[in-house]
Amino acid sequence: MHDLAALADEHLANARTAPHGRSAHVVVHDGVLRQSVIAMVSGTALDEHNAPPAASLQVLRGRVSLTAAGWSEELSAGELQMIPKERHGLTALEDAVVLLTAVND
């Protein structure tokens, strides 16, 4: 069992001291399923990248902006969003921690 609150605290602290302002940890990796905690300091971004076949993003702390071709959506702590099946990016609008769930083939 994993304590997501403790992982969020740990990785947000790590992100605050990391030169790139991010810290991540794979929580679950079972076959095609992968879940990762990603902490980002305000203003940092994950540049546009390809999407897995299926994925969701749950915000554990803070606020982020999920962007894809022609749109963006702001998400706050407690919100869950499917990730579009196209190139997308993520920006921390304030210090934030997300849980990324992805299914890869």
N, C-alpha and C. Protein backbone atom coordinates (compact mmCIF):
# COMPACT_ATOMS: atom_id res chain seq x y z
N MET A 1 0.85 -1.18 0.00
CA MET A 1 0.00 0.00 0.00
C MET A 1 0.89 1.24 0.00
N HIS A 2 0.44 2.28 -0.68
CA HIS A 2 1.19 3.53 -0.77
C HIS A 2 0.42 4.66 -0.10
N ASP A 3 1.11 5.51 0.61
CA ASP A 3 0.53 6.69 1.23
C ASP A 3 0.74 7.86 0.28
N LEU A 4 -0.29 8.20 -0.51
CA LEU A 4 -0.16 9.25 -1.52
C LEU A 4 0.11 10.61 -0.90
N ALA A 5 -0.46 10.88 0.26
CA ALA A 5 -0.21 12.17 0.92
C ALA A 5 1.26 12.30 1.29
N ALA A 6 1.85 11.24 1.84
CA ALA A 6 3.26 11.27 2.21
C ALA A 6 4.15 11.38 0.97
N LEU A 7 3.80 10.65 -0.09
CA LEU A 7 4.57 10.74 -1.34
C LEU A 7 4.47 12.14 -1.93
N ALA A 8 3.29 12.75 -1.86
CA ALA A 8 3.11 14.11 -2.37
C ALA A 8 4.00 15.07 -1.60
N ASP A 9 4.01 14.96 -0.28
CA ASP A 9 4.86 15.83 0.55
C ASP A 9 6.34 15.65 0.20
N GLU A 10 6.77 14.39 0.12
CA GLU A 10 8.17 14.08 -0.17
C GLU A 10 8.62 14.62 -1.52
N HIS A 11 7.81 14.39 -2.54
CA HIS A 11 8.23 14.78 -3.88
C HIS A 11 8.06 16.27 -4.14
N LEU A 12 7.15 16.91 -3.45
CA LEU A 12 7.05 18.36 -3.57
C LEU A 12 8.28 19.01 -2.93
N ALA A 13 8.71 18.47 -1.79
CA ALA A 13 9.94 18.97 -1.16
C ALA A 13 11.14 18.76 -2.08
N ASN A 14 11.21 17.59 -2.72
CA ASN A 14 12.30 17.30 -3.67
C ASN A 14 12.25 18.25 -4.87
N ALA A 15 11.06 18.51 -5.38
CA ALA A 15 10.91 19.39 -6.54
C ALA A 15 11.37 20.80 -6.22
N ARG A 16 11.12 21.23 -5.00
CA ARG A 16 11.50 22.60 -4.60
C ARG A 16 13.01 22.79 -4.56
N THR A 17 13.76 21.71 -4.44
CA THR A 17 15.23 21.83 -4.41
C THR A 17 15.87 21.34 -5.71
N ALA A 18 15.09 20.74 -6.59
CA ALA A 18 15.63 20.22 -7.86
C ALA A 18 15.85 21.35 -8.85
N PRO A 19 16.94 21.30 -9.62
CA PRO A 19 17.22 22.37 -10.58
C PRO A 19 16.13 22.56 -11.63
N HIS A 20 15.43 21.50 -12.00
CA HIS A 20 14.37 21.58 -13.02
C HIS A 20 12.99 21.78 -12.41
N GLY A 21 12.89 21.78 -11.06
CA GLY A 21 11.63 22.06 -10.39
C GLY A 21 10.61 20.94 -10.42
N ARG A 22 11.08 19.70 -10.64
CA ARG A 22 10.16 18.56 -10.70
C ARG A 22 10.74 17.37 -9.95
N SER A 23 9.85 16.49 -9.51
CA SER A 23 10.25 15.22 -8.91
C SER A 23 9.14 14.21 -9.19
N ALA A 24 9.51 12.99 -9.53
CA ALA A 24 8.50 11.98 -9.87
C ALA A 24 8.87 10.63 -9.28
N HIS A 25 7.84 9.81 -9.09
CA HIS A 25 8.04 8.47 -8.53
C HIS A 25 6.98 7.54 -9.11
N VAL A 26 7.40 6.40 -9.63
CA VAL A 26 6.45 5.39 -10.11
C VAL A 26 5.90 4.66 -8.89
N VAL A 27 4.58 4.73 -8.72
CA VAL A 27 3.92 4.12 -7.58
C VAL A 27 3.50 2.68 -7.90
N VAL A 28 2.95 2.49 -9.10
CA VAL A 28 2.48 1.17 -9.53
C VAL A 28 2.96 0.93 -10.95
N HIS A 29 3.55 -0.24 -11.17
CA HIS A 29 3.90 -0.66 -12.53
C HIS A 29 3.56 -2.14 -12.61
N ASP A 30 2.44 -2.43 -13.26
CA ASP A 30 1.94 -3.79 -13.34
C ASP A 30 1.47 -4.04 -14.77
N GLY A 31 2.30 -4.73 -15.54
CA GLY A 31 1.96 -4.97 -16.94
C GLY A 31 1.83 -3.66 -17.69
N VAL A 32 0.65 -3.41 -18.26
CA VAL A 32 0.43 -2.19 -19.04
C VAL A 32 0.03 -0.99 -18.18
N LEU A 33 -0.27 -1.25 -16.90
CA LEU A 33 -0.70 -0.17 -16.00
C LEU A 33 0.50 0.47 -15.33
N ARG A 34 0.50 1.81 -15.34
CA ARG A 34 1.57 2.55 -14.68
C ARG A 34 0.95 3.78 -14.00
N GLN A 35 1.27 3.96 -12.72
CA GLN A 35 0.82 5.14 -11.98
C GLN A 35 2.04 5.84 -11.40
N SER A 36 2.09 7.15 -11.60
CA SER A 36 3.23 7.94 -11.14
C SER A 36 2.77 9.18 -10.41
N VAL A 37 3.46 9.50 -9.32
CA VAL A 37 3.26 10.77 -8.63
C VAL A 37 4.28 11.74 -9.23
N ILE A 38 3.80 12.90 -9.67
CA ILE A 38 4.66 13.92 -10.26
C ILE A 38 4.44 15.22 -9.50
N ALA A 39 5.52 15.76 -8.94
CA ALA A 39 5.46 17.04 -8.23
C ALA A 39 6.14 18.09 -9.09
N MET A 40 5.54 19.27 -9.15
CA MET A 40 6.06 20.37 -9.97
C MET A 40 5.96 21.68 -9.20
N VAL A 41 7.03 22.46 -9.24
CA VAL A 41 7.02 23.78 -8.62
C VAL A 41 6.29 24.75 -9.56
N SER A 42 5.63 25.72 -8.99
CA SER A 42 4.89 26.71 -9.76
C SER A 42 5.72 27.25 -10.92
N GLY A 43 5.11 27.26 -12.11
CA GLY A 43 5.77 27.78 -13.30
C GLY A 43 6.54 26.76 -14.11
N THR A 44 6.77 25.57 -13.56
CA THR A 44 7.46 24.54 -14.34
C THR A 44 6.46 23.81 -15.23
N ALA A 45 6.97 23.17 -16.26
CA ALA A 45 6.09 22.52 -17.23
C ALA A 45 6.68 21.20 -17.71
N LEU A 46 5.79 20.33 -18.11
CA LEU A 46 6.16 19.15 -18.88
C LEU A 46 5.78 19.52 -20.31
N ASP A 47 6.79 19.71 -21.15
CA ASP A 47 6.54 20.15 -22.52
C ASP A 47 5.64 19.16 -23.24
N GLU A 48 5.07 19.62 -24.32
CA GLU A 48 4.16 18.80 -25.12
C GLU A 48 4.81 17.46 -25.45
N HIS A 49 4.05 16.39 -25.27
CA HIS A 49 4.54 15.04 -25.53
C HIS A 49 3.37 14.16 -25.98
N ASN A 50 3.69 13.00 -26.52
CA ASN A 50 2.66 12.09 -27.02
C ASN A 50 1.90 11.45 -25.87
N ALA A 51 0.67 11.12 -26.14
CA ALA A 51 -0.20 10.50 -25.13
C ALA A 51 -0.16 8.98 -25.25
N PRO A 52 -0.27 8.28 -24.11
CA PRO A 52 -0.43 6.82 -24.16
C PRO A 52 -1.84 6.50 -24.66
N PRO A 53 -2.12 5.24 -24.94
CA PRO A 53 -3.45 4.87 -25.42
C PRO A 53 -4.59 5.28 -24.48
N ALA A 54 -4.34 5.25 -23.18
CA ALA A 54 -5.36 5.67 -22.21
C ALA A 54 -4.64 6.23 -20.99
N ALA A 55 -5.13 7.37 -20.48
CA ALA A 55 -4.49 7.98 -19.31
C ALA A 55 -5.43 8.95 -18.63
N SER A 56 -5.20 9.16 -17.33
CA SER A 56 -5.93 10.16 -16.57
C SER A 56 -4.97 10.89 -15.65
N LEU A 57 -5.39 12.06 -15.23
CA LEU A 57 -4.58 12.90 -14.36
C LEU A 57 -5.45 13.31 -13.19
N GLN A 58 -5.01 13.00 -11.97
CA GLN A 58 -5.71 13.42 -10.76
C GLN A 58 -4.81 14.39 -10.02
N VAL A 59 -5.32 15.56 -9.70
CA VAL A 59 -4.54 16.55 -8.98
C VAL A 59 -4.67 16.29 -7.49
N LEU A 60 -3.52 16.03 -6.85
CA LEU A 60 -3.49 15.76 -5.42
C LEU A 60 -3.29 17.04 -4.62
N ARG A 61 -2.49 17.97 -5.16
CA ARG A 61 -2.20 19.25 -4.50
C ARG A 61 -2.09 20.34 -5.56
N GLY A 62 -2.47 21.55 -5.23
CA GLY A 62 -2.22 22.70 -6.10
C GLY A 62 -3.13 22.80 -7.30
N ARG A 63 -2.60 23.47 -8.34
CA ARG A 63 -3.35 23.73 -9.57
C ARG A 63 -2.43 23.57 -10.76
N VAL A 64 -2.96 22.96 -11.83
CA VAL A 64 -2.20 22.74 -13.06
C VAL A 64 -3.05 23.14 -14.26
N SER A 65 -2.37 23.31 -15.39
CA SER A 65 -3.06 23.55 -16.66
C SER A 65 -2.66 22.43 -17.61
N LEU A 66 -3.65 21.68 -18.07
CA LEU A 66 -3.44 20.62 -19.05
C LEU A 66 -3.77 21.21 -20.41
N THR A 67 -2.83 21.13 -21.35
CA THR A 67 -3.04 21.74 -22.67
C THR A 67 -2.89 20.71 -23.77
N ALA A 68 -3.62 20.92 -24.84
CA ALA A 68 -3.51 20.12 -26.06
C ALA A 68 -3.85 21.05 -27.22
N ALA A 69 -3.81 20.55 -28.41
CA ALA A 69 -4.03 21.36 -29.61
C ALA A 69 -5.28 22.22 -29.47
N GLY A 70 -5.08 23.53 -29.30
CA GLY A 70 -6.19 24.46 -29.32
C GLY A 70 -7.01 24.57 -28.05
N TRP A 71 -6.67 23.88 -26.97
CA TRP A 71 -7.45 24.04 -25.75
C TRP A 71 -6.57 23.85 -24.52
N SER A 72 -7.08 24.34 -23.40
CA SER A 72 -6.42 24.09 -22.12
C SER A 72 -7.49 23.98 -21.06
N GLU A 73 -7.17 23.25 -20.01
CA GLU A 73 -8.10 23.09 -18.91
C GLU A 73 -7.33 23.22 -17.61
N GLU A 74 -7.84 24.06 -16.73
CA GLU A 74 -7.24 24.25 -15.43
C GLU A 74 -7.85 23.24 -14.47
N LEU A 75 -6.99 22.55 -13.72
CA LEU A 75 -7.45 21.54 -12.77
C LEU A 75 -6.90 21.87 -11.39
N SER A 76 -7.72 21.66 -10.37
CA SER A 76 -7.34 21.93 -8.98
C SER A 76 -7.36 20.65 -8.17
N ALA A 77 -6.79 20.72 -6.98
CA ALA A 77 -6.72 19.56 -6.08
C ALA A 77 -8.08 18.88 -5.97
N GLY A 78 -8.08 17.57 -6.11
CA GLY A 78 -9.30 16.77 -6.02
C GLY A 78 -9.95 16.48 -7.35
N GLU A 79 -9.50 17.17 -8.42
CA GLU A 79 -10.12 16.96 -9.73
C GLU A 79 -9.39 15.89 -10.53
N LEU A 80 -10.16 15.19 -11.35
CA LEU A 80 -9.66 14.10 -12.19
C LEU A 80 -10.06 14.38 -13.62
N GLN A 81 -9.13 14.21 -14.56
CA GLN A 81 -9.40 14.50 -15.97
C GLN A 81 -8.77 13.42 -16.85
N MET A 82 -9.51 12.97 -17.83
CA MET A 82 -8.92 12.09 -18.84
C MET A 82 -7.91 12.91 -19.64
N ILE A 83 -6.81 12.31 -20.02
CA ILE A 83 -5.81 12.99 -20.84
C ILE A 83 -6.18 12.74 -22.30
N PRO A 84 -6.19 13.80 -23.10
CA PRO A 84 -6.56 13.62 -24.51
C PRO A 84 -5.59 12.69 -25.23
N LYS A 85 -6.10 11.99 -26.22
CA LYS A 85 -5.28 11.04 -26.98
C LYS A 85 -4.54 11.77 -28.10
N GLU A 86 -3.86 12.84 -27.73
CA GLU A 86 -3.08 13.64 -28.67
C GLU A 86 -1.93 14.26 -27.89
N ARG A 87 -1.04 14.91 -28.60
CA ARG A 87 0.07 15.58 -27.92
C ARG A 87 -0.49 16.58 -26.91
N HIS A 88 0.13 16.63 -25.74
CA HIS A 88 -0.37 17.48 -24.68
C HIS A 88 0.79 17.90 -23.77
N GLY A 89 0.54 18.90 -22.95
CA GLY A 89 1.53 19.37 -22.00
C GLY A 89 0.87 19.68 -20.67
N LEU A 90 1.70 19.91 -19.65
CA LEU A 90 1.19 20.19 -18.31
C LEU A 90 2.05 21.29 -17.69
N THR A 91 1.39 22.30 -17.12
CA THR A 91 2.09 23.40 -16.46
C THR A 91 1.55 23.55 -15.05
N ALA A 92 2.45 23.72 -14.08
CA ALA A 92 2.05 23.97 -12.70
C ALA A 92 1.72 25.45 -12.54
N LEU A 93 0.47 25.76 -12.21
CA LEU A 93 0.06 27.13 -11.99
C LEU A 93 0.42 27.59 -10.58
N GLU A 94 0.60 26.62 -9.70
CA GLU A 94 1.14 26.81 -8.35
C GLU A 94 1.82 25.50 -8.01
N ASP A 95 2.57 25.45 -6.92
CA ASP A 95 3.19 24.18 -6.55
C ASP A 95 2.11 23.10 -6.57
N ALA A 96 2.39 21.99 -7.27
CA ALA A 96 1.35 20.99 -7.49
C ALA A 96 1.92 19.57 -7.48
N VAL A 97 1.05 18.63 -7.16
CA VAL A 97 1.37 17.20 -7.24
C VAL A 97 0.20 16.52 -7.93
N VAL A 98 0.51 15.69 -8.92
CA VAL A 98 -0.52 14.97 -9.66
C VAL A 98 -0.24 13.47 -9.62
N LEU A 99 -1.30 12.69 -9.81
CA LEU A 99 -1.17 11.25 -9.98
C LEU A 99 -1.53 10.96 -11.42
N LEU A 100 -0.56 10.51 -12.18
CA LEU A 100 -0.76 10.15 -13.58
C LEU A 100 -0.99 8.64 -13.65
N THR A 101 -2.12 8.26 -14.23
CA THR A 101 -2.42 6.84 -14.46
C THR A 101 -2.42 6.63 -15.96
N ALA A 102 -1.60 5.69 -16.43
CA ALA A 102 -1.49 5.45 -17.86
C ALA A 102 -1.52 3.96 -18.15
N VAL A 103 -2.14 3.63 -19.27
CA VAL A 103 -2.16 2.27 -19.78
C VAL A 103 -1.43 2.29 -21.11
N ASN A 104 -0.35 1.55 -21.19
CA ASN A 104 0.46 1.48 -22.42
C ASN A 104 0.30 0.10 -23.03
N ASP A 105 0.34 0.04 -24.37
CA ASP A 105 0.25 -1.30 -24.98
C ASP A 105 1.59 -1.89 -25.20
